[in-house]
PDB file of all heavy atoms in Angstrom:
ATOM      1  N   LEU A   1      -6.687 -15.581   3.307  1.00  0.00           N
ATOM      2  CA  LEU A   1      -5.917 -14.627   4.106  1.00  0.00           C
ATOM      3  C   LEU A   1      -4.715 -14.115   3.317  1.00  0.00           C
ATOM      4  O   LEU A   1      -4.347 -12.939   3.430  1.00  0.00           O
ATOM      5  CB  LEU A   1      -5.462 -15.261   5.414  1.00  0.00           C
ATOM      6  CG  LEU A   1      -4.704 -14.311   6.345  1.00  0.00           C
ATOM      7  CD1 LEU A   1      -5.589 -13.161   6.799  1.00  0.00           C
ATOM      8  CD2 LEU A   1      -4.135 -15.058   7.540  1.00  0.00           C
ATOM      9  N   TYR A   2      -4.096 -14.976   2.527  1.00  0.00           N
ATOM     10  CA  TYR A   2      -2.989 -14.522   1.683  1.00  0.00           C
ATOM     11  C   TYR A   2      -3.438 -13.336   0.826  1.00  0.00           C
ATOM     12  O   TYR A   2      -2.758 -12.305   0.768  1.00  0.00           O
ATOM     13  CB  TYR A   2      -2.508 -15.666   0.794  1.00  0.00           C
ATOM     14  CG  TYR A   2      -1.578 -15.210  -0.307  1.00  0.00           C
ATOM     15  CD1 TYR A   2      -0.299 -14.755  -0.018  1.00  0.00           C
ATOM     16  CD2 TYR A   2      -1.993 -15.220  -1.641  1.00  0.00           C
ATOM     17  CE1 TYR A   2       0.554 -14.322  -1.016  1.00  0.00           C
ATOM     18  CE2 TYR A   2      -1.145 -14.788  -2.648  1.00  0.00           C
ATOM     19  CZ  TYR A   2       0.121 -14.338  -2.337  1.00  0.00           C
ATOM     20  OH  TYR A   2       0.960 -13.903  -3.333  1.00  0.00           O
ATOM     21  N   ALA A   3      -4.570 -13.482   0.154  1.00  0.00           N
ATOM     22  CA  ALA A   3      -5.079 -12.406  -0.689  1.00  0.00           C
ATOM     23  C   ALA A   3      -5.377 -11.155   0.128  1.00  0.00           C
ATOM     24  O   ALA A   3      -5.109 -10.027  -0.306  1.00  0.00           O
ATOM     25  CB  ALA A   3      -6.324 -12.878  -1.427  1.00  0.00           C
ATOM     26  N   ALA A   4      -5.925 -11.343   1.321  1.00  0.00           N
ATOM     27  CA  ALA A   4      -6.249 -10.198   2.177  1.00  0.00           C
ATOM     28  C   ALA A   4      -4.992  -9.429   2.566  1.00  0.00           C
ATOM     29  O   ALA A   4      -4.990  -8.190   2.603  1.00  0.00           O
ATOM     30  CB  ALA A   4      -6.991 -10.666   3.424  1.00  0.00           C
ATOM     31  N   THR A   5      -3.885 -10.146   2.845  1.00  0.00           N
ATOM     32  CA  THR A   5      -2.649  -9.444   3.200  1.00  0.00           C
ATOM     33  C   THR A   5      -2.096  -8.675   2.011  1.00  0.00           C
ATOM     34  O   THR A   5      -1.543  -7.578   2.172  1.00  0.00           O
ATOM     35  CB  THR A   5      -1.582 -10.406   3.741  1.00  0.00           C
ATOM     36  OG1 THR A   5      -1.222 -11.370   2.739  1.00  0.00           O
ATOM     37  CG2 THR A   5      -2.060 -11.119   4.989  1.00  0.00           C
ATOM     38  N   LYS A   6      -2.253  -9.206   0.818  1.00  0.00           N
ATOM     39  CA  LYS A   6      -1.770  -8.505  -0.370  1.00  0.00           C
ATOM     40  C   LYS A   6      -2.608  -7.255  -0.658  1.00  0.00           C
ATOM     41  O   LYS A   6      -2.083  -6.209  -1.056  1.00  0.00           O
ATOM     42  CB  LYS A   6      -1.753  -9.449  -1.573  1.00  0.00           C
ATOM     43  CG  LYS A   6      -0.646 -10.477  -1.527  1.00  0.00           C
ATOM     44  CD  LYS A   6       0.718  -9.801  -1.478  1.00  0.00           C
ATOM     45  CE  LYS A   6       1.870 -10.764  -1.550  1.00  0.00           C
ATOM     46  NZ  LYS A   6       3.179 -10.067  -1.545  1.00  0.00           N
ATOM     47  N   ARG A   7      -3.905  -7.361  -0.463  1.00  0.00           N
ATOM     48  CA  ARG A   7      -4.752  -6.177  -0.629  1.00  0.00           C
ATOM     49  C   ARG A   7      -4.422  -5.144   0.441  1.00  0.00           C
ATOM     50  O   ARG A   7      -4.393  -3.932   0.175  1.00  0.00           O
ATOM     51  CB  ARG A   7      -6.232  -6.566  -0.549  1.00  0.00           C
ATOM     52  CG  ARG A   7      -7.194  -5.404  -0.756  1.00  0.00           C
ATOM     53  CD  ARG A   7      -7.142  -4.868  -2.175  1.00  0.00           C
ATOM     54  NE  ARG A   7      -8.044  -3.726  -2.345  1.00  0.00           N
ATOM     55  CZ  ARG A   7      -7.657  -2.502  -2.680  1.00  0.00           C
ATOM     56  NH1 ARG A   7      -6.365  -2.256  -2.905  1.00  0.00           N
ATOM     57  NH2 ARG A   7      -8.524  -1.533  -2.808  1.00  0.00           N
ATOM     58  N   ALA A   8      -4.135  -5.614   1.650  1.00  0.00           N
ATOM     59  CA  ALA A   8      -3.731  -4.699   2.715  1.00  0.00           C
ATOM     60  C   ALA A   8      -2.441  -3.970   2.346  1.00  0.00           C
ATOM     61  O   ALA A   8      -2.286  -2.774   2.622  1.00  0.00           O
ATOM     62  CB  ALA A   8      -3.551  -5.462   4.026  1.00  0.00           C
ATOM     63  N   ASN A   9      -1.505  -4.672   1.713  1.00  0.00           N
ATOM     64  CA  ASN A   9      -0.268  -4.022   1.262  1.00  0.00           C
ATOM     65  C   ASN A   9      -0.565  -2.861   0.330  1.00  0.00           C
ATOM     66  O   ASN A   9       0.057  -1.790   0.417  1.00  0.00           O
ATOM     67  CB  ASN A   9       0.621  -5.027   0.530  1.00  0.00           C
ATOM     68  CG  ASN A   9       1.300  -6.036   1.431  1.00  0.00           C
ATOM     69  OD1 ASN A   9       1.907  -6.984   0.947  1.00  0.00           O
ATOM     70  ND2 ASN A   9       1.192  -5.870   2.744  1.00  0.00           N
ATOM     71  N   GLU A  10      -1.522  -3.058  -0.567  1.00  0.00           N
ATOM     72  CA  GLU A  10      -1.873  -1.991  -1.507  1.00  0.00           C
ATOM     73  C   GLU A  10      -2.411  -0.765  -0.777  1.00  0.00           C
ATOM     74  O   GLU A  10      -2.076   0.384  -1.114  1.00  0.00           O
ATOM     75  CB  GLU A  10      -2.899  -2.513  -2.516  1.00  0.00           C
ATOM     76  CG  GLU A  10      -2.370  -3.633  -3.401  1.00  0.00           C
ATOM     77  CD  GLU A  10      -3.422  -4.253  -4.300  1.00  0.00           C
ATOM     78  OE1 GLU A  10      -4.616  -3.878  -4.175  1.00  0.00           O
ATOM     79  OE2 GLU A  10      -3.079  -5.112  -5.123  1.00  0.00           O
ATOM     80  N   LEU A  11      -3.232  -0.986   0.230  1.00  0.00           N
ATOM     81  CA  LEU A  11      -3.810   0.125   0.991  1.00  0.00           C
ATOM     82  C   LEU A  11      -2.743   0.814   1.840  1.00  0.00           C
ATOM     83  O   LEU A  11      -2.716   2.048   1.950  1.00  0.00           O
ATOM     84  CB  LEU A  11      -4.954  -0.391   1.866  1.00  0.00           C
ATOM     85  CG  LEU A  11      -6.119  -1.034   1.115  1.00  0.00           C
ATOM     86  CD1 LEU A  11      -7.124  -1.619   2.103  1.00  0.00           C
ATOM     87  CD2 LEU A  11      -6.808  -0.039   0.202  1.00  0.00           C
ATOM     88  N   MET A  12      -1.870   0.020   2.446  1.00  0.00           N
ATOM     89  CA  MET A  12      -0.780   0.596   3.229  1.00  0.00           C
ATOM     90  C   MET A  12       0.136   1.441   2.345  1.00  0.00           C
ATOM     91  O   MET A  12       0.573   2.535   2.725  1.00  0.00           O
ATOM     92  CB  MET A  12       0.029  -0.527   3.894  1.00  0.00           C
ATOM     93  CG  MET A  12      -0.753  -1.313   4.951  1.00  0.00           C
ATOM     94  SD  MET A  12       0.012  -2.918   5.335  1.00  0.00           S
ATOM     95  CE  MET A  12       1.488  -2.390   6.222  1.00  0.00           C
ATOM     96  N   ALA A  13       0.423   0.931   1.144  1.00  0.00           N
ATOM     97  CA  ALA A  13       1.288   1.657   0.223  1.00  0.00           C
ATOM     98  C   ALA A  13       0.679   2.995  -0.163  1.00  0.00           C
ATOM     99  O   ALA A  13       1.377   4.011  -0.251  1.00  0.00           O
ATOM    100  CB  ALA A  13       1.543   0.809  -1.022  1.00  0.00           C
ATOM    101  N   HIS A  14      -0.627   3.009  -0.386  1.00  0.00           N
ATOM    102  CA  HIS A  14      -1.267   4.278  -0.730  1.00  0.00           C
ATOM    103  C   HIS A  14      -1.152   5.279   0.412  1.00  0.00           C
ATOM    104  O   HIS A  14      -0.901   6.474   0.190  1.00  0.00           O
ATOM    105  CB  HIS A  14      -2.740   4.078  -1.095  1.00  0.00           C
ATOM    106  CG  HIS A  14      -3.397   5.360  -1.514  1.00  0.00           C
ATOM    107  ND1 HIS A  14      -4.028   6.193  -0.612  1.00  0.00           N
ATOM    108  CD2 HIS A  14      -3.468   5.975  -2.721  1.00  0.00           C
ATOM    109  CE1 HIS A  14      -4.483   7.260  -1.248  1.00  0.00           C
ATOM    110  NE2 HIS A  14      -4.153   7.152  -2.526  1.00  0.00           N
ATOM    111  N   CYS A  15      -1.338   4.822   1.632  1.00  0.00           N
ATOM    112  CA  CYS A  15      -1.208   5.717   2.786  1.00  0.00           C
ATOM    113  C   CYS A  15       0.170   6.378   2.824  1.00  0.00           C
ATOM    114  O   CYS A  15       0.285   7.596   3.017  1.00  0.00           O
ATOM    115  CB  CYS A  15      -1.440   4.950   4.087  1.00  0.00           C
ATOM    116  SG  CYS A  15      -3.134   4.459   4.387  1.00  0.00           S
ATOM    117  N   TYR A  16       1.226   5.586   2.638  1.00  0.00           N
ATOM    118  CA  TYR A  16       2.576   6.147   2.698  1.00  0.00           C
ATOM    119  C   TYR A  16       2.869   7.045   1.498  1.00  0.00           C
ATOM    120  O   TYR A  16       3.579   8.054   1.633  1.00  0.00           O
ATOM    121  CB  TYR A  16       3.605   5.017   2.817  1.00  0.00           C
ATOM    122  CG  TYR A  16       3.888   4.663   4.252  1.00  0.00           C
ATOM    123  CD1 TYR A  16       2.934   3.991   5.025  1.00  0.00           C
ATOM    124  CD2 TYR A  16       5.078   5.022   4.860  1.00  0.00           C
ATOM    125  CE1 TYR A  16       3.173   3.678   6.342  1.00  0.00           C
ATOM    126  CE2 TYR A  16       5.335   4.715   6.190  1.00  0.00           C
ATOM    127  CZ  TYR A  16       4.366   4.042   6.928  1.00  0.00           C
ATOM    128  OH  TYR A  16       4.610   3.746   8.256  1.00  0.00           O
ATOM    129  N   ALA A  17       2.338   6.687   0.336  1.00  0.00           N
ATOM    130  CA  ALA A  17       2.506   7.563  -0.825  1.00  0.00           C
ATOM    131  C   ALA A  17       1.810   8.901  -0.587  1.00  0.00           C
ATOM    132  O   ALA A  17       2.337   9.969  -0.920  1.00  0.00           O
ATOM    133  CB  ALA A  17       1.956   6.880  -2.072  1.00  0.00           C
ATOM    134  N   HIS A  18       0.628   8.845   0.002  1.00  0.00           N
ATOM    135  CA  HIS A  18      -0.154  10.060   0.263  1.00  0.00           C
ATOM    136  C   HIS A  18       0.469  10.907   1.371  1.00  0.00           C
ATOM    137  O   HIS A  18       0.618  12.133   1.224  1.00  0.00           O
ATOM    138  CB  HIS A  18      -1.580   9.671   0.645  1.00  0.00           C
ATOM    139  CG  HIS A  18      -2.421  10.826   1.113  1.00  0.00           C
ATOM    140  ND1 HIS A  18      -2.940  11.757   0.252  1.00  0.00           N
ATOM    141  CD2 HIS A  18      -2.792  11.203   2.360  1.00  0.00           C
ATOM    142  CE1 HIS A  18      -3.615  12.665   0.945  1.00  0.00           C
ATOM    143  NE2 HIS A  18      -3.543  12.339   2.227  1.00  0.00           N
ATOM    144  N   LEU A  19       0.853  10.283   2.462  1.00  0.00           N
ATOM    145  CA  LEU A  19       1.347  11.029   3.621  1.00  0.00           C
ATOM    146  C   LEU A  19       2.761  11.559   3.427  1.00  0.00           C
ATOM    147  O   LEU A  19       3.089  12.665   3.864  1.00  0.00           O
ATOM    148  CB  LEU A  19       1.312  10.140   4.862  1.00  0.00           C
ATOM    149  CG  LEU A  19      -0.083   9.777   5.402  1.00  0.00           C
ATOM    150  CD1 LEU A  19       0.048   8.723   6.486  1.00  0.00           C
ATOM    151  CD2 LEU A  19      -0.788  11.017   5.939  1.00  0.00           C
ATOM    152  N   TYR A  20       3.626  10.750   2.768  1.00  0.00           N
ATOM    153  CA  TYR A  20       5.048  11.076   2.734  1.00  0.00           C
ATOM    154  C   TYR A  20       5.599  11.296   1.332  1.00  0.00           C
ATOM    155  O   TYR A  20       6.793  11.561   1.180  1.00  0.00           O
ATOM    156  CB  TYR A  20       5.851   9.974   3.438  1.00  0.00           C
ATOM    157  CG  TYR A  20       5.333   9.664   4.823  1.00  0.00           C
ATOM    158  CD1 TYR A  20       4.769   8.428   5.118  1.00  0.00           C
ATOM    159  CD2 TYR A  20       5.376  10.622   5.832  1.00  0.00           C
ATOM    160  CE1 TYR A  20       4.280   8.142   6.382  1.00  0.00           C
ATOM    161  CE2 TYR A  20       4.890  10.349   7.107  1.00  0.00           C
ATOM    162  CZ  TYR A  20       4.334   9.110   7.372  1.00  0.00           C
ATOM    163  OH  TYR A  20       3.850   8.837   8.626  1.00  0.00           O
ATOM    164  N   GLY A  21       4.739  11.158   0.322  1.00  0.00           N
ATOM    165  CA  GLY A  21       5.191  11.413  -1.038  1.00  0.00           C
ATOM    166  C   GLY A  21       6.118  10.370  -1.613  1.00  0.00           C
ATOM    167  O   GLY A  21       6.843  10.635  -2.577  1.00  0.00           O
ATOM    168  N   ILE A  22       6.118   9.148  -1.043  1.00  0.00           N
ATOM    169  CA  ILE A  22       6.968   8.076  -1.563  1.00  0.00           C
ATOM    170  C   ILE A  22       6.321   7.492  -2.824  1.00  0.00           C
ATOM    171  O   ILE A  22       5.203   6.976  -2.757  1.00  0.00           O
ATOM    172  CB  ILE A  22       7.137   6.950  -0.523  1.00  0.00           C
ATOM    173  CG1 ILE A  22       7.712   7.486   0.784  1.00  0.00           C
ATOM    174  CG2 ILE A  22       8.004   5.832  -1.081  1.00  0.00           C
ATOM    175  CD1 ILE A  22       7.633   6.504   1.920  1.00  0.00           C
ATOM    176  N   PRO A  23       6.986   7.556  -3.974  1.00  0.00           N
ATOM    177  CA  PRO A  23       6.420   6.921  -5.168  1.00  0.00           C
ATOM    178  C   PRO A  23       6.371   5.398  -5.000  1.00  0.00           C
ATOM    179  O   PRO A  23       7.397   4.764  -4.741  1.00  0.00           O
ATOM    180  CB  PRO A  23       7.387   7.327  -6.281  1.00  0.00           C
ATOM    181  CG  PRO A  23       8.081   8.550  -5.763  1.00  0.00           C
ATOM    182  CD  PRO A  23       8.212   8.314  -4.282  1.00  0.00           C
ATOM    183  N   VAL A  24       5.186   4.846  -5.131  1.00  0.00           N
ATOM    184  CA  VAL A  24       4.981   3.424  -4.846  1.00  0.00           C
ATOM    185  C   VAL A  24       4.170   2.793  -5.978  1.00  0.00           C
ATOM    186  O   VAL A  24       3.123   3.306  -6.365  1.00  0.00           O
ATOM    187  CB  VAL A  24       4.230   3.221  -3.511  1.00  0.00           C
ATOM    188  CG1 VAL A  24       4.061   1.740  -3.225  1.00  0.00           C
ATOM    189  CG2 VAL A  24       4.969   3.884  -2.364  1.00  0.00           C
ATOM    190  N   THR A  25       4.664   1.648  -6.473  1.00  0.00           N
ATOM    191  CA  THR A  25       3.961   0.906  -7.520  1.00  0.00           C
ATOM    192  C   THR A  25       3.772  -0.533  -7.076  1.00  0.00           C
ATOM    193  O   THR A  25       4.737  -1.217  -6.715  1.00  0.00           O
ATOM    194  CB  THR A  25       4.749   0.916  -8.844  1.00  0.00           C
ATOM    195  OG1 THR A  25       4.966   2.261  -9.259  1.00  0.00           O
ATOM    196  CG2 THR A  25       3.967   0.180  -9.929  1.00  0.00           C
ATOM    197  N   GLY A  26       2.522  -1.002  -7.117  1.00  0.00           N
ATOM    198  CA  GLY A  26       2.211  -2.395  -6.803  1.00  0.00           C
ATOM    199  C   GLY A  26       1.945  -3.187  -8.070  1.00  0.00           C
ATOM    200  O   GLY A  26       1.303  -2.686  -9.002  1.00  0.00           O
TER     201      GLY A  26
END
């Protein structure tokens, strides 16, 4: 589950980068 939450963070970050133009690096 730890790994799943970290992968989820990556997907969430992409959504916000795409929708709002926030530069995000994981």
